[in-house]
């Protein structure tokens, strides 16, 4: 399947059905497949745990619910695919070997099962009744290799990147994105808003995500917003947050790009060596300035003979992040800043991990941010903030880098600057050409907690063995790390 081809794909956004009413989900699934056939889709993606439900309560509750067993449900999906001649990716509860797995099955248009993928990154109550998957591999189909990323799996950058490295030409995402908005009638979820766009920018293959809407319980509701991106991260279709929908688009499947983790990074990313946690007691609030190059270089004095850096020092700024294209200028500004008591970060295109009085930080050139590797490496080694210098980087990608590692990101280019917190929130942004810079107070202690949701720690959910296998690398035990 080395040549490129165009196919039509769809994502079915279905209503949330509680476990006690699981039978209501079956006709909704069947109707979505029939609609896909009527639109002549080649592939339809259905949500995570499309049957019987996502919130199970417990394994015992699932088994006492009277839901159709896993084998019977997969047979049902195979029959639907064969009847309507549509390839399907469908999330379901896979009860096997005495354990429950949050899984997705891939069926081709003849009704043949091509493979299954278990969710590796468990979210919240997933941990109470699901067993995490231990293997990542794209699934061979007549359409080409498809990588399956189930909901929170997308929060670990190694997952989608590893599937693409193993040959996936398309990433399908069965999901139950939880709505974490605090105001009624509003919808918020990092994956729906920017992370899937970030993954598409990074992986350069199409992404098709199918979510639920509504609620399975009083406590948990979903945000809808199912979405399709092409290999250039262009959004082709998106569903509303609160209604059923079948979105579709034509995408181009081509040979996947080459994705690598350099040898120097494999020792960290694929090892069993525990991440270095930022020391909350040593960290604290800091005042930071993020300055575009066009503002930093002149350092013009005002009528009182005071320049920008002197104003920063007087204003209590501790860190100045900027972007310079000349090493000599960078060295001059860093030296000048130190004379004023400022930590200045502006060396161009130099990847490094450093420690200052405010804590550990990383520097990365903008041309390397499209790979998850540099920021991941630095975060695993304890960085609380990573500075990005060089050309402008798409903000969804920067927000994704912040969220996946629970770190601050400060990025500056020639004309603009942005500061992002560990939740992916854009704290401040100086728009291109505005002639503005950013000064803000941030608390680096936020990075000492890697929990993004109750029972969901982004470091604890990492699966280095699975990532190493996907990339064709050898897992390294912890004692190798120091060699």
Protein backbone atom coordinates (compact mmCIF):
# COMPACT_ATOMS: atom_id res chain seq x y z
CA UNK A 1 0.00 0.00 0.00
CA UNK A 2 2.80 2.41 -0.83
CA UNK A 3 0.79 4.58 -3.23
CA UNK A 4 -1.58 7.31 -2.09
CA UNK A 5 -5.34 7.06 -2.43
CA UNK A 6 -8.41 9.06 -1.51
CA UNK A 7 -11.14 7.63 0.69
CA UNK A 8 -14.24 9.01 2.36
CA UNK A 9 -14.32 8.71 6.13
CA UNK A 10 -16.89 9.53 8.75
CA UNK A 11 -17.32 9.90 12.51
CA UNK A 12 -20.63 9.00 14.16
CA UNK A 13 -21.42 11.17 17.18
CA UNK A 14 -23.87 9.22 19.33
CA UNK A 15 -25.85 10.08 22.46
CA UNK A 16 -24.58 8.84 25.81
CA UNK A 17 -26.55 5.82 27.01
CA UNK A 18 -26.24 4.63 30.65
CA UNK A 19 -25.30 1.01 31.23
CA UNK A 20 -28.76 0.16 32.56
CA UNK A 21 -30.24 1.15 29.17
CA UNK A 22 -27.54 -0.51 27.05
CA UNK A 23 -30.04 -2.01 24.59
CA UNK A 24 -30.87 1.49 23.35
CA UNK A 25 -27.33 1.84 21.96
CA UNK A 26 -27.67 -1.00 19.45
CA UNK A 27 -30.20 0.59 17.04
CA UNK A 28 -28.26 3.87 17.19
CA UNK A 29 -25.11 2.08 16.07
CA UNK A 30 -26.98 0.24 13.32
CA UNK A 31 -28.56 3.47 12.08
CA UNK A 32 -25.16 5.23 11.97
CA UNK A 33 -23.71 2.43 9.84
CA UNK A 34 -26.70 2.57 7.50
CA UNK A 35 -26.25 6.33 7.13
CA UNK A 36 -22.58 5.84 6.39
CA UNK A 37 -23.44 3.39 3.64
CA UNK A 38 -25.98 5.81 2.18
CA UNK A 39 -23.21 8.42 1.97
CA UNK A 40 -20.90 5.84 0.39
CA UNK A 41 -18.30 6.12 3.12
CA UNK A 42 -15.31 3.81 3.02
CA UNK A 43 -14.72 3.96 6.79
CA UNK A 44 -16.86 4.92 9.78
CA UNK A 45 -15.48 5.54 13.27
CA UNK A 46 -17.82 5.09 16.24
CA UNK A 47 -17.25 6.31 19.82
CA UNK A 48 -15.35 4.77 22.70
CA UNK A 49 -17.45 2.10 24.45
CA UNK A 50 -20.20 2.70 21.92
CA UNK A 51 -21.62 -0.44 23.51
CA UNK A 52 -22.72 -1.02 26.17
CA UNK A 53 -21.53 2.19 27.95
CA UNK A 54 -18.39 3.92 29.15
CA UNK A 55 -19.23 4.34 32.85
CA UNK A 56 -19.53 0.79 34.16
CA UNK A 57 -19.25 1.36 37.89
CA UNK A 58 -17.51 -1.97 38.36
CA UNK A 59 -16.75 -5.20 36.53
CA UNK A 60 -19.48 -6.88 38.55
CA UNK A 61 -22.02 -4.25 37.53
CA UNK A 62 -21.10 -4.73 33.88
CA UNK A 63 -21.47 -8.52 34.07
CA UNK A 64 -24.79 -8.22 35.91
CA UNK A 65 -26.21 -5.71 33.42
CA UNK A 66 -27.43 -8.25 30.88
CA UNK A 67 -25.44 -6.59 28.14
CA UNK A 68 -24.58 -8.61 25.06
CA UNK A 69 -21.24 -10.32 25.59
CA UNK A 70 -18.14 -9.14 23.73
CA UNK A 71 -18.06 -11.93 21.16
CA UNK A 72 -21.73 -11.49 20.28
CA UNK A 73 -21.32 -7.73 19.93
CA UNK A 74 -18.32 -8.07 17.62
CA UNK A 75 -20.32 -10.52 15.51
CA UNK A 76 -23.09 -7.93 15.34
CA UNK A 77 -20.63 -5.26 14.15
CA UNK A 78 -19.19 -7.65 11.58
CA UNK A 79 -22.69 -8.30 10.25
CA UNK A 80 -23.37 -4.56 9.96
CA UNK A 81 -20.10 -3.96 8.10
CA UNK A 82 -20.81 -6.86 5.72
CA UNK A 83 -24.41 -5.83 5.13
CA UNK A 84 -23.59 -2.19 4.38
CA UNK A 85 -20.12 -2.74 2.92
CA UNK A 86 -18.52 -0.14 5.16
CA UNK A 87 -15.31 -0.58 7.15
CA UNK A 88 -15.83 0.15 10.85
CA UNK A 89 -13.83 1.15 13.91
CA UNK A 90 -15.99 0.67 16.99
CA UNK A 91 -15.24 1.10 20.69
CA UNK A 92 -16.63 -1.57 23.02
CA UNK A 93 -16.04 -3.31 26.35
CA UNK A 94 -13.96 -6.42 25.66
CA UNK A 95 -14.47 -9.04 28.37
CA UNK A 96 -11.72 -11.62 27.97
CA UNK A 97 -9.51 -13.78 30.14
CA UNK A 98 -11.44 -12.68 33.20
CA UNK A 99 -10.58 -9.01 32.65
CA UNK A 100 -12.32 -6.01 31.10
CA UNK A 101 -10.54 -3.97 28.43
CA UNK A 102 -11.60 -0.65 26.93
CA UNK A 103 -11.07 -1.69 23.33
CA UNK A 104 -11.80 -0.90 19.72
CA UNK A 105 -12.33 -3.42 16.95
CA UNK A 106 -11.54 -2.80 13.28
CA UNK A 107 -13.78 -4.52 10.72
CA UNK A 108 -13.30 -4.31 6.96
CA UNK A 109 -16.12 -3.83 4.45
CA UNK A 110 -16.51 -7.62 4.00
CA UNK A 111 -17.18 -8.13 7.69
CA UNK A 112 -13.73 -9.53 8.48
CA UNK A 113 -12.20 -8.60 11.81
CA UNK A 114 -8.81 -7.01 11.10
CA UNK A 115 -7.70 -6.47 14.68
CA UNK A 116 -8.28 -4.87 18.06
CA UNK A 117 -6.56 -2.25 20.17
CA UNK A 118 -6.82 -1.90 23.95
CA UNK A 119 -6.69 1.50 25.62
CA UNK A 120 -3.30 2.01 27.26
CA UNK A 121 -3.86 5.37 29.02
CA UNK A 122 -6.66 4.88 31.53
CA UNK A 123 -8.66 7.92 32.62
CA UNK A 124 -10.37 8.48 35.97
CA UNK A 125 -12.69 5.62 36.86
CA UNK A 126 -11.30 3.56 33.96
CA UNK A 127 -8.70 2.51 36.50
CA UNK A 128 -11.35 0.87 38.71
CA UNK A 129 -12.55 -1.74 36.23
CA UNK A 130 -10.46 -1.73 33.04
CA UNK A 131 -7.07 -3.35 32.55
CA UNK A 132 -4.68 -1.17 30.55
CA UNK A 133 -3.40 -2.34 27.20
CA UNK A 134 0.25 -3.26 26.82
CA UNK A 135 0.77 -3.15 23.07
CA UNK A 136 0.52 -0.51 20.33
CA UNK A 137 0.46 -1.55 16.70
CA UNK A 138 -1.38 -0.28 13.61
CA UNK A 139 -3.96 -2.63 12.18
CA UNK A 140 -3.69 -3.85 8.61
CA UNK A 141 -6.82 -3.29 6.52
CA UNK A 142 -7.59 -3.17 2.79
CA UNK A 143 -7.57 0.64 3.17
CA UNK A 144 -4.06 0.59 4.61
CA UNK A 145 -2.70 0.51 8.15
CA UNK A 146 -4.95 2.23 10.69
CA UNK A 147 -3.72 3.34 14.11
CA UNK A 148 -6.26 3.25 16.93
CA UNK A 149 -5.98 5.85 19.69
CA UNK A 150 -8.70 5.49 22.31
CA UNK A 151 -9.63 8.78 24.00
CA UNK A 152 -6.99 9.58 26.67
CA UNK A 153 -4.38 7.59 24.70
CA UNK A 154 -3.99 10.81 22.71
CA UNK A 155 -2.63 12.57 25.80
CA UNK A 156 0.59 10.57 25.60
CA UNK A 157 2.48 11.83 22.54
CA UNK A 158 4.31 8.53 22.13
CA UNK A 159 1.03 6.78 21.27
CA UNK A 160 0.00 8.39 17.99
CA UNK A 161 3.61 9.05 16.99
CA UNK A 162 4.52 5.43 17.66
CA UNK A 163 1.62 4.16 15.55
CA UNK A 164 2.68 6.41 12.68
CA UNK A 165 6.28 5.25 13.09
CA UNK A 166 4.97 1.70 12.73
CA UNK A 167 3.23 2.57 9.46
CA UNK A 168 -0.23 3.94 10.30
CA UNK A 169 -1.62 6.04 7.46
CA UNK A 170 -4.65 7.18 9.44
CA UNK A 171 -5.39 7.63 13.15
CA UNK A 172 -8.92 6.72 14.26
CA UNK A 173 -10.02 7.94 17.70
CA UNK A 174 -13.05 6.35 19.36
CA UNK A 175 -13.55 8.66 22.33
CA UNK A 176 -15.67 9.80 25.25
CA UNK A 177 -14.24 13.28 25.76
CA UNK A 178 -15.54 14.45 29.11
CA UNK A 179 -16.98 17.94 29.27
CA UNK A 180 -14.99 19.70 32.02
CA UNK A 181 -16.61 23.13 31.59
CA UNK A 182 -17.89 24.61 34.85
CA UNK A 183 -20.70 26.74 33.40
CA UNK A 184 -23.96 25.06 32.30
CA UNK A 185 -24.44 25.05 28.55
CA UNK A 186 -20.71 25.44 27.85
CA UNK A 187 -18.23 22.83 26.66
CA UNK A 188 -14.54 22.43 27.32
CA UNK A 189 -12.10 19.62 26.67
CA UNK A 190 -8.42 20.04 25.78
CA UNK A 191 -8.40 17.22 23.25
CA UNK A 192 -11.42 18.48 21.36
CA UNK A 193 -10.27 22.09 21.41
CA UNK A 194 -6.62 21.82 20.42
CA UNK A 195 -4.82 18.55 21.19
CA UNK A 196 -6.08 16.57 18.19
CA UNK A 197 -5.12 19.50 15.97
CA UNK A 198 -1.72 19.39 17.68
CA UNK A 199 -1.40 15.66 17.04
CA UNK A 200 -2.29 16.15 13.38
CA UNK A 201 0.36 18.88 13.08
CA UNK A 202 2.87 16.54 14.67
CA UNK A 203 2.04 13.22 12.98
CA UNK A 204 1.08 14.48 9.49
CA UNK A 205 -1.55 11.84 8.85
CA UNK A 206 -5.37 12.23 8.88
CA UNK A 207 -7.22 11.99 12.21
CA UNK A 208 -10.86 10.92 12.63
CA UNK A 209 -12.35 11.27 16.14
CA UNK A 210 -15.86 10.12 17.10
CA UNK A 211 -17.25 11.28 20.47
CA UNK A 212 -20.48 10.98 22.43
CA UNK A 213 -22.67 13.87 23.60
CA UNK A 214 -24.96 14.16 26.58
CA UNK A 215 -24.41 12.34 29.87
CA UNK A 216 -24.30 8.78 31.18
CA UNK A 217 -24.59 10.00 34.78
CA UNK A 218 -25.32 13.17 36.74
CA UNK A 219 -21.59 13.59 37.33
CA UNK A 220 -20.13 12.95 33.87
CA UNK A 221 -21.15 14.41 30.54
CA UNK A 222 -19.48 14.56 27.15
CA UNK A 223 -18.59 17.47 24.90
CA UNK A 224 -19.38 16.16 21.41
CA UNK A 225 -17.26 18.03 18.86
CA UNK A 226 -16.27 14.92 16.88
CA UNK A 227 -13.76 16.02 14.27
CA UNK A 228 -11.85 15.12 11.11
CA UNK A 229 -8.43 16.54 10.19
CA UNK A 230 -6.42 15.93 7.07
CA UNK A 231 -2.69 15.19 6.99
CA UNK A 232 -1.90 18.92 6.95
CA UNK A 233 -3.92 19.47 10.13
CA UNK A 234 -6.72 21.24 8.26
CA UNK A 235 -10.05 20.72 9.95
CA UNK A 236 -12.39 19.17 7.39
CA UNK A 237 -15.49 18.64 9.54
CA UNK A 238 -16.65 19.04 13.14
CA UNK A 239 -19.84 18.07 14.93
CA UNK A 240 -21.71 20.30 17.42
CA UNK A 241 -21.18 19.76 21.15
CA UNK A 242 -24.73 18.73 22.02
CA UNK A 243 -26.44 16.84 19.21
CA UNK A 244 -26.18 13.63 17.18
CA UNK A 245 -24.20 13.95 13.97
CA UNK A 246 -22.53 12.00 11.24
CA UNK A 247 -19.67 14.06 9.86
CA UNK A 248 -17.67 12.98 6.84
CA UNK A 249 -14.91 14.16 4.56
CA UNK A 250 -12.63 12.98 1.80
CA UNK A 251 -9.07 12.41 2.95
CA UNK A 252 -5.89 11.36 1.22
CA UNK A 253 -3.99 8.36 2.51
CA UNK A 254 -0.31 8.43 1.66
CA UNK A 255 2.81 6.74 2.94
CA UNK A 256 3.24 7.92 6.56
CA UNK A 257 6.10 10.28 7.35
CA UNK A 258 9.24 8.99 9.00
CA UNK A 259 8.98 9.35 12.77
CA UNK A 260 12.03 8.71 14.91
CA UNK A 261 13.23 8.97 18.47
CA UNK A 262 16.99 9.67 18.39
CA UNK A 263 19.30 7.38 20.34
CA UNK A 264 20.05 10.11 22.89
CA UNK A 265 16.33 10.41 23.71
CA UNK A 266 15.56 6.68 23.73
CA UNK A 267 17.53 6.29 26.94
CA UNK A 268 14.99 8.53 28.64
CA UNK A 269 11.70 8.03 26.81
CA UNK A 270 11.88 4.23 26.49
CA UNK A 271 13.52 3.45 29.83
CA UNK A 272 12.01 2.28 33.08
CA UNK A 273 13.82 5.11 34.85
CA UNK A 274 11.31 7.12 36.88
CA UNK A 275 10.62 10.71 35.78
CA UNK A 276 12.30 13.46 37.77
CA UNK A 277 9.53 15.30 39.57
CA UNK A 278 9.86 19.06 40.00
CA UNK A 279 10.39 19.85 43.67
CA UNK A 280 7.32 21.75 44.82
CA UNK A 281 9.10 23.04 47.92
CA UNK A 282 11.94 24.48 45.84
CA UNK A 283 9.62 26.06 43.29
CA UNK A 284 7.30 29.00 43.63
CA UNK A 285 5.80 32.04 41.93
CA UNK A 286 8.02 33.79 39.39
CA UNK A 287 7.56 36.86 37.23
CA UNK A 288 8.38 36.26 33.59
CA UNK A 289 8.70 38.44 30.50
CA UNK A 290 8.31 36.83 27.05
CA UNK A 291 9.66 39.22 24.44
CA UNK A 292 9.59 39.08 20.63
CA UNK A 293 12.95 39.60 18.94
CA UNK A 294 11.76 42.85 17.38
CA UNK A 295 11.24 44.27 20.88
CA UNK A 296 14.34 42.81 22.53
CA UNK A 297 17.04 43.78 20.07
CA UNK A 298 16.82 47.59 20.13
CA UNK A 299 16.91 47.94 23.97
CA UNK A 300 16.21 51.62 23.46
CA UNK A 301 16.36 53.90 26.48
CA UNK A 302 13.49 56.16 27.45
CA UNK A 303 13.78 59.85 28.31
CA UNK A 304 15.20 58.89 31.71
CA UNK A 305 17.91 56.68 30.20
CA UNK A 306 16.24 53.46 31.33
CA UNK A 307 16.00 50.55 28.88
CA UNK A 308 13.57 47.61 28.75
CA UNK A 309 15.70 45.21 30.79
CA UNK A 310 16.20 47.80 33.51
CA UNK A 311 12.41 48.27 33.65
CA UNK A 312 12.00 44.50 33.93
CA UNK A 313 14.44 44.37 36.84
CA UNK A 314 12.66 47.26 38.59
CA UNK A 315 9.30 45.53 38.04
CA UNK A 316 10.43 42.32 39.76
CA UNK A 317 10.81 40.23 36.59
CA UNK A 318 13.03 37.21 37.24
CA UNK A 319 13.04 35.51 33.82
CA UNK A 320 13.22 37.08 30.37
CA UNK A 321 12.56 34.77 27.43
CA UNK A 322 13.21 36.01 23.92
CA UNK A 323 14.36 34.78 20.53
CA UNK A 324 17.48 35.96 18.75
CA UNK A 325 18.95 34.74 15.49
CA UNK A 326 22.51 35.73 16.31
CA UNK A 327 24.57 33.90 18.94
CA UNK A 328 26.68 36.97 19.70
CA UNK A 329 23.61 39.09 20.41
CA UNK A 330 22.19 36.28 22.54
CA UNK A 331 25.35 36.06 24.65
CA UNK A 332 25.41 39.85 25.06
CA UNK A 333 21.81 40.00 26.28
CA UNK A 334 22.22 37.06 28.64
CA UNK A 335 25.31 38.67 30.18
CA UNK A 336 23.60 42.05 30.43
CA UNK A 337 20.54 40.46 32.02
CA UNK A 338 22.61 38.66 34.63
CA UNK A 339 24.21 42.00 35.61
CA UNK A 340 20.68 43.19 36.44
CA UNK A 341 19.73 40.02 38.32
CA UNK A 342 17.66 38.61 35.44
CA UNK A 343 17.77 35.08 34.05
CA UNK A 344 17.70 35.66 30.30
CA UNK A 345 16.97 32.82 27.89
CA UNK A 346 17.59 33.64 24.25
CA UNK A 347 20.24 31.34 22.75
CA UNK A 348 19.02 30.45 19.25
CA UNK A 349 18.27 26.86 18.31
CA UNK A 350 20.19 25.29 21.19
CA UNK A 351 18.43 22.38 22.88
CA UNK A 352 19.47 22.15 26.49
CA UNK A 353 18.24 21.50 30.01
CA UNK A 354 19.44 24.02 32.57
CA UNK A 355 18.93 24.78 36.24
CA UNK A 356 18.52 28.31 37.58
CA UNK A 357 17.39 29.64 40.92
CA UNK A 358 13.78 29.34 39.77
CA UNK A 359 14.13 25.64 38.87
CA UNK A 360 14.94 23.41 35.91
CA UNK A 361 14.04 24.64 32.44
CA UNK A 362 14.51 23.57 28.85
CA UNK A 363 15.26 25.39 25.62
CA UNK A 364 14.28 24.13 22.18
CA UNK A 365 14.40 25.61 18.70
CA UNK A 366 11.02 26.04 17.06
CA UNK A 367 11.91 23.74 14.16
CA UNK A 368 12.12 20.84 16.64
CA UNK A 369 8.78 21.39 18.41
CA UNK A 370 6.88 19.44 15.76
CA UNK A 371 8.47 16.36 17.35
CA UNK A 372 7.31 15.46 20.84
CA UNK A 373 10.80 14.27 21.74
CA UNK A 374 12.71 17.38 22.99
CA UNK A 375 10.02 18.71 25.34
CA UNK A 376 9.17 15.19 26.55
CA UNK A 377 12.80 14.47 27.28
CA UNK A 378 13.20 17.71 29.21
CA UNK A 379 9.96 17.29 31.16
CA UNK A 380 10.89 13.73 32.15
CA UNK A 381 14.15 15.14 33.47
CA UNK A 382 12.33 17.64 35.67
CA UNK A 383 11.86 20.80 33.58
CA UNK A 384 9.03 23.02 34.82
CA UNK A 385 9.11 25.35 31.85
CA UNK A 386 10.35 25.02 28.28
CA UNK A 387 11.33 28.05 26.21
CA UNK A 388 10.76 27.87 22.46
CA UNK A 389 12.79 30.18 20.23
CA UNK A 390 12.97 30.71 16.49
CA UNK A 391 10.12 30.90 14.01
CA UNK A 392 6.45 31.07 14.97
CA UNK A 393 4.95 27.71 16.04
CA UNK A 394 1.19 27.00 15.71
CA UNK A 395 -0.40 27.65 19.09
CA UNK A 396 -2.37 24.35 19.16
CA UNK A 397 0.95 22.51 19.00
CA UNK A 398 2.44 24.59 21.82
CA UNK A 399 -0.66 24.05 23.96
CA UNK A 400 -0.41 20.32 23.30
CA UNK A 401 3.24 20.27 24.42
CA UNK A 402 2.24 22.01 27.66
CA UNK A 403 -0.65 19.66 28.46
CA UNK A 404 1.03 16.36 27.61
CA UNK A 405 3.89 17.18 30.00
CA UNK A 406 2.12 19.39 32.56
CA UNK A 407 4.66 22.20 32.08
CA UNK A 408 4.68 25.88 31.16
CA UNK A 409 5.61 26.81 27.59
CA UNK A 410 7.00 30.26 26.73
CA UNK A 411 7.54 30.87 23.01
CA UNK A 412 8.95 33.92 21.26
CA UNK A 413 9.72 34.55 17.61
CA UNK A 414 10.57 37.69 15.67
CA UNK A 415 7.26 39.49 16.09
CA UNK A 416 5.08 37.57 18.56
CA UNK A 417 5.12 35.78 21.92
CA UNK A 418 2.89 33.42 23.88
CA UNK A 419 2.83 32.00 27.40
CA UNK A 420 0.91 28.78 28.14
CA UNK A 421 0.20 27.06 31.46
CA UNK A 422 0.25 23.30 32.24
CA UNK A 423 -3.48 23.00 31.49
CA UNK A 424 -2.89 24.36 27.99
CA UNK A 425 -4.47 27.72 28.76
CA UNK A 426 -3.00 30.66 26.87
CA UNK A 427 -2.14 33.01 29.74
CA UNK A 428 -1.07 35.84 27.47
CA UNK A 429 -0.33 36.30 23.79
CA UNK A 430 1.41 39.19 22.07
CA UNK A 431 0.06 39.13 18.53
CA UNK A 432 2.38 39.27 15.55
CA UNK A 433 3.26 42.83 14.59
CA UNK A 434 1.70 44.35 17.70
CA UNK A 435 5.03 45.52 19.10
CA UNK A 436 3.99 44.10 22.46
CA UNK A 437 5.61 41.75 24.93
CA UNK A 438 4.26 39.68 27.82
CA UNK A 439 4.87 40.15 31.54
CA UNK A 440 3.07 37.69 33.81
CA UNK A 441 3.23 35.99 37.18
CA UNK A 442 3.23 32.20 37.06
CA UNK A 443 3.51 29.57 39.78
CA UNK A 444 5.93 26.82 38.82
CA UNK A 445 4.60 24.67 41.66
CA UNK A 446 1.75 23.75 39.32
CA UNK A 447 4.17 21.55 37.41
CA UNK A 448 4.97 19.43 40.47
CA UNK A 449 1.56 17.76 40.15
CA UNK A 450 1.14 15.60 37.06
CA UNK A 451 -2.45 14.67 37.82
CA UNK A 452 -4.81 15.97 35.14
CA UNK A 453 -7.95 14.32 36.53
CA UNK A 454 -8.71 12.25 39.65
CA UNK A 455 -6.82 8.92 39.42
CA UNK A 456 -5.11 10.18 36.24
CA UNK A 457 -1.42 11.02 36.50
CA UNK A 458 0.24 11.57 33.11
CA UNK A 459 3.52 10.06 34.28
CA UNK A 460 1.92 7.03 35.96
CA UNK A 461 -0.04 6.26 32.76
CA UNK A 462 3.04 6.11 30.53
CA UNK A 463 3.77 2.70 28.93
CA UNK A 464 7.43 2.81 27.85
CA UNK A 465 7.47 -0.86 26.84
CA UNK A 466 4.58 -0.37 24.41
CA UNK A 467 6.13 2.81 23.01
CA UNK A 468 9.49 1.16 22.48
CA UNK A 469 7.91 -1.74 20.61
CA UNK A 470 5.89 0.61 18.40
CA UNK A 471 9.04 2.49 17.46
CA UNK A 472 10.99 -0.73 16.98
CA UNK A 473 13.32 0.20 19.84
CA UNK A 474 14.58 -1.88 22.73
CA UNK A 475 13.17 -1.14 26.16
CA UNK A 476 15.91 0.04 28.47
CA UNK A 477 15.86 -0.88 32.14
CA UNK A 478 16.37 1.93 34.59
CA UNK A 479 20.00 1.14 35.30
CA UNK A 480 20.89 1.78 31.66
CA UNK A 481 19.83 5.39 31.93
CA UNK A 482 22.92 6.52 33.78
CA UNK A 483 25.38 4.79 31.48
